Amino acid sequence: MLRKTLVIAAAIIAIPFVIALFIQKDYLVTRTLTIDRPIAEVFYYVNYLKNQDNVSKWAQKDLDMVKSYRGTDATVVFVSA
C-alpha cells in the first residue's frame, strides 16, 4: 500500500516536469497604444519625470508617498526619488 502511494505521488509530481519538456519555451506579449498627438508633444510630456506621476499606478494607489526631486527636470542629471 505504501509503495503504491509513493508511486502515485511520484507520478503526480513528475507529470508537470514531463509536460514542461514539450511545451513551447518562447512566447511574445505585445501591447499597443495609439496616442493621437504629435510626436513632439508626446516627447515633451514624457521627457519630464514629474509628469509620470499622472500615469503611475503606484503613485495613484499610494497617496501618502513622499516624492523628492533633485536637479532640473528633463535633464540627464535629474533625480526623482
N, C-alpha and C. Protein backbone atom coordinates (compact mmCIF):
# COMPACT_ATOMS: atom_id res chain seq x y z
N MET A 1 0.82 -1.19 0.00
CA MET A 1 0.00 0.00 0.00
C MET A 1 0.87 1.26 0.00
N LEU A 2 1.92 1.27 0.84
CA LEU A 2 2.82 2.41 0.92
C LEU A 2 3.56 2.62 -0.40
N ARG A 3 3.98 1.50 -0.99
CA ARG A 3 4.70 1.59 -2.26
C ARG A 3 3.80 2.17 -3.36
N LYS A 4 2.56 1.74 -3.40
CA LYS A 4 1.61 2.22 -4.39
C LYS A 4 1.35 3.72 -4.20
N THR A 5 1.25 4.15 -2.96
CA THR A 5 1.03 5.57 -2.66
C THR A 5 2.24 6.39 -3.09
N LEU A 6 3.44 5.90 -2.84
CA LEU A 6 4.64 6.62 -3.25
C LEU A 6 4.76 6.72 -4.77
N VAL A 7 4.41 5.65 -5.47
CA VAL A 7 4.46 5.67 -6.93
C VAL A 7 3.46 6.69 -7.48
N ILE A 8 2.26 6.74 -6.93
CA ILE A 8 1.25 7.69 -7.38
C ILE A 8 1.71 9.13 -7.07
N ALA A 9 2.26 9.35 -5.89
CA ALA A 9 2.75 10.68 -5.52
C ALA A 9 3.89 11.10 -6.45
N ALA A 10 4.81 10.20 -6.74
CA ALA A 10 5.92 10.50 -7.64
C ALA A 10 5.41 10.82 -9.04
N ALA A 11 4.39 10.09 -9.49
CA ALA A 11 3.83 10.35 -10.82
C ALA A 11 3.17 11.73 -10.86
N ILE A 12 2.45 12.07 -9.80
CA ILE A 12 1.80 13.39 -9.75
C ILE A 12 2.83 14.50 -9.76
N ILE A 13 3.93 14.31 -9.08
CA ILE A 13 5.00 15.31 -9.06
C ILE A 13 5.73 15.36 -10.40
N ALA A 14 5.93 14.23 -11.04
CA ALA A 14 6.72 14.15 -12.27
C ALA A 14 5.95 14.62 -13.50
N ILE A 15 4.64 14.51 -13.50
CA ILE A 15 3.84 14.85 -14.69
C ILE A 15 4.07 16.30 -15.14
N PRO A 16 4.03 17.31 -14.26
CA PRO A 16 4.28 18.68 -14.75
C PRO A 16 5.68 18.86 -15.36
N PHE A 17 6.67 18.16 -14.82
CA PHE A 17 8.03 18.27 -15.37
C PHE A 17 8.12 17.63 -16.74
N VAL A 18 7.46 16.54 -16.95
CA VAL A 18 7.46 15.88 -18.25
C VAL A 18 6.71 16.74 -19.26
N ILE A 19 5.59 17.30 -18.85
CA ILE A 19 4.83 18.17 -19.75
C ILE A 19 5.66 19.40 -20.12
N ALA A 20 6.42 19.94 -19.16
CA ALA A 20 7.24 21.13 -19.41
C ALA A 20 8.30 20.89 -20.48
N LEU A 21 8.72 19.65 -20.65
CA LEU A 21 9.71 19.34 -21.68
C LEU A 21 9.17 19.57 -23.09
N PHE A 22 7.86 19.46 -23.26
CA PHE A 22 7.27 19.51 -24.59
C PHE A 22 6.53 20.82 -24.88
N ILE A 23 6.43 21.69 -23.91
CA ILE A 23 5.75 22.97 -24.11
C ILE A 23 6.70 23.96 -24.76
N GLN A 24 6.16 24.81 -25.62
CA GLN A 24 6.97 25.83 -26.28
C GLN A 24 7.57 26.77 -25.24
N LYS A 25 8.85 27.02 -25.35
CA LYS A 25 9.56 27.80 -24.34
C LYS A 25 9.62 29.29 -24.65
N ASP A 26 9.39 29.67 -25.89
CA ASP A 26 9.42 31.08 -26.27
C ASP A 26 7.99 31.60 -26.41
N TYR A 27 7.79 32.79 -25.94
CA TYR A 27 6.49 33.43 -26.11
C TYR A 27 6.69 34.92 -26.27
N LEU A 28 5.69 35.58 -26.77
CA LEU A 28 5.78 37.00 -27.04
C LEU A 28 4.49 37.66 -26.60
N VAL A 29 4.61 38.72 -25.84
CA VAL A 29 3.47 39.51 -25.42
C VAL A 29 3.61 40.88 -26.06
N THR A 30 2.60 41.29 -26.79
CA THR A 30 2.64 42.56 -27.49
C THR A 30 1.43 43.39 -27.09
N ARG A 31 1.70 44.63 -26.74
CA ARG A 31 0.62 45.57 -26.44
C ARG A 31 0.87 46.83 -27.24
N THR A 32 -0.19 47.41 -27.74
CA THR A 32 -0.05 48.65 -28.48
C THR A 32 -0.98 49.70 -27.90
N LEU A 33 -0.57 50.92 -28.04
CA LEU A 33 -1.36 52.05 -27.57
C LEU A 33 -1.19 53.17 -28.60
N THR A 34 -2.29 53.67 -29.08
CA THR A 34 -2.24 54.75 -30.05
C THR A 34 -2.49 56.07 -29.33
N ILE A 35 -1.54 56.98 -29.46
CA ILE A 35 -1.65 58.30 -28.86
C ILE A 35 -1.90 59.28 -30.00
N ASP A 36 -3.05 59.91 -29.97
CA ASP A 36 -3.46 60.80 -31.07
C ASP A 36 -2.94 62.21 -30.81
N ARG A 37 -1.62 62.33 -30.76
CA ARG A 37 -0.96 63.62 -30.54
C ARG A 37 0.29 63.65 -31.42
N PRO A 38 0.80 64.83 -31.73
CA PRO A 38 2.06 64.92 -32.48
C PRO A 38 3.22 64.35 -31.64
N ILE A 39 4.20 63.80 -32.31
CA ILE A 39 5.34 63.18 -31.65
C ILE A 39 6.07 64.16 -30.75
N ALA A 40 6.24 65.39 -31.19
CA ALA A 40 6.95 66.39 -30.39
C ALA A 40 6.22 66.66 -29.08
N GLU A 41 4.90 66.72 -29.13
CA GLU A 41 4.11 66.98 -27.92
C GLU A 41 4.22 65.82 -26.93
N VAL A 42 4.18 64.59 -27.44
CA VAL A 42 4.31 63.41 -26.58
C VAL A 42 5.70 63.35 -25.97
N PHE A 43 6.72 63.59 -26.76
CA PHE A 43 8.09 63.58 -26.25
C PHE A 43 8.28 64.64 -25.17
N TYR A 44 7.76 65.83 -25.40
CA TYR A 44 7.88 66.91 -24.43
C TYR A 44 7.22 66.50 -23.11
N TYR A 45 6.09 65.81 -23.17
CA TYR A 45 5.37 65.40 -21.96
C TYR A 45 6.13 64.31 -21.20
N VAL A 46 6.55 63.26 -21.88
CA VAL A 46 7.21 62.14 -21.18
C VAL A 46 8.65 62.45 -20.81
N ASN A 47 9.21 63.48 -21.39
CA ASN A 47 10.58 63.88 -21.08
C ASN A 47 10.70 64.38 -19.63
N TYR A 48 9.61 64.86 -19.07
CA TYR A 48 9.60 65.36 -17.70
C TYR A 48 9.16 64.25 -16.75
N LEU A 49 10.04 63.88 -15.82
CA LEU A 49 9.73 62.79 -14.89
C LEU A 49 8.56 63.12 -13.96
N LYS A 50 8.38 64.38 -13.67
CA LYS A 50 7.27 64.76 -12.79
C LYS A 50 5.92 64.44 -13.42
N ASN A 51 5.84 64.41 -14.74
CA ASN A 51 4.59 64.07 -15.43
C ASN A 51 4.26 62.59 -15.30
N GLN A 52 5.23 61.75 -14.99
CA GLN A 52 4.98 60.32 -14.93
C GLN A 52 4.09 59.94 -13.75
N ASP A 53 3.99 60.80 -12.74
CA ASP A 53 3.08 60.52 -11.64
C ASP A 53 1.62 60.54 -12.09
N ASN A 54 1.32 61.21 -13.19
CA ASN A 54 -0.05 61.27 -13.69
C ASN A 54 -0.52 59.94 -14.25
N VAL A 55 0.40 59.07 -14.64
CA VAL A 55 0.03 57.78 -15.22
C VAL A 55 0.56 56.60 -14.41
N SER A 56 1.25 56.87 -13.31
CA SER A 56 1.83 55.81 -12.49
C SER A 56 0.77 55.16 -11.62
N LYS A 57 0.62 53.85 -11.75
CA LYS A 57 -0.35 53.12 -10.91
C LYS A 57 0.04 53.19 -9.45
N TRP A 58 1.35 53.12 -9.15
CA TRP A 58 1.80 53.15 -7.75
C TRP A 58 1.56 54.51 -7.13
N ALA A 59 1.78 55.56 -7.88
CA ALA A 59 1.56 56.91 -7.35
C ALA A 59 0.08 57.15 -7.08
N GLN A 60 -0.78 56.55 -7.90
CA GLN A 60 -2.21 56.71 -7.70
C GLN A 60 -2.72 55.88 -6.52
N LYS A 61 -2.08 54.73 -6.25
CA LYS A 61 -2.51 53.87 -5.15
C LYS A 61 -2.00 54.37 -3.80
N ASP A 62 -0.78 54.87 -3.77
CA ASP A 62 -0.16 55.29 -2.51
C ASP A 62 -0.18 56.81 -2.44
N LEU A 63 -1.25 57.34 -1.86
CA LEU A 63 -1.41 58.78 -1.78
C LEU A 63 -0.47 59.41 -0.75
N ASP A 64 0.07 58.60 0.18
CA ASP A 64 0.99 59.10 1.19
C ASP A 64 2.45 59.02 0.76
N MET A 65 2.69 58.66 -0.48
CA MET A 65 4.06 58.53 -0.98
C MET A 65 4.77 59.88 -0.92
N VAL A 66 5.97 59.87 -0.39
CA VAL A 66 6.77 61.09 -0.32
C VAL A 66 7.73 61.08 -1.51
N LYS A 67 7.66 62.11 -2.32
CA LYS A 67 8.50 62.21 -3.51
C LYS A 67 9.49 63.34 -3.34
N SER A 68 10.69 63.14 -3.83
CA SER A 68 11.69 64.21 -3.80
C SER A 68 12.36 64.28 -5.17
N TYR A 69 12.73 65.46 -5.55
CA TYR A 69 13.36 65.71 -6.84
C TYR A 69 14.62 66.53 -6.63
N ARG A 70 15.66 66.20 -7.41
CA ARG A 70 16.91 66.97 -7.37
C ARG A 70 17.32 67.29 -8.79
N GLY A 71 17.69 68.52 -9.00
CA GLY A 71 18.17 68.92 -10.31
C GLY A 71 17.07 69.55 -11.13
N THR A 72 17.36 69.72 -12.41
CA THR A 72 16.42 70.32 -13.34
C THR A 72 15.74 69.21 -14.12
N ASP A 73 14.42 69.20 -14.07
CA ASP A 73 13.66 68.15 -14.76
C ASP A 73 13.94 68.21 -16.26
N ALA A 74 13.93 67.05 -16.88
CA ALA A 74 14.17 66.86 -18.32
C ALA A 74 15.64 67.00 -18.69
N THR A 75 16.52 66.90 -17.69
CA THR A 75 17.95 66.87 -17.97
C THR A 75 18.50 65.53 -17.53
N VAL A 76 19.70 65.22 -17.95
CA VAL A 76 20.31 63.93 -17.66
C VAL A 76 20.55 63.72 -16.18
N VAL A 77 20.87 64.78 -15.46
CA VAL A 77 21.24 64.65 -14.04
C VAL A 77 20.05 64.77 -13.10
N PHE A 78 18.84 64.87 -13.60
CA PHE A 78 17.65 65.00 -12.75
C PHE A 78 17.41 63.69 -12.01
N VAL A 79 17.11 63.79 -10.71
CA VAL A 79 16.89 62.60 -9.88
C VAL A 79 15.50 62.69 -9.28
N SER A 80 14.74 61.62 -9.45
CA SER A 80 13.42 61.51 -8.85
C SER A 80 13.45 60.35 -7.87
N ALA A 81 13.07 60.63 -6.62
CA ALA A 81 13.09 59.57 -5.60
C ALA A 81 11.82 59.63 -4.79
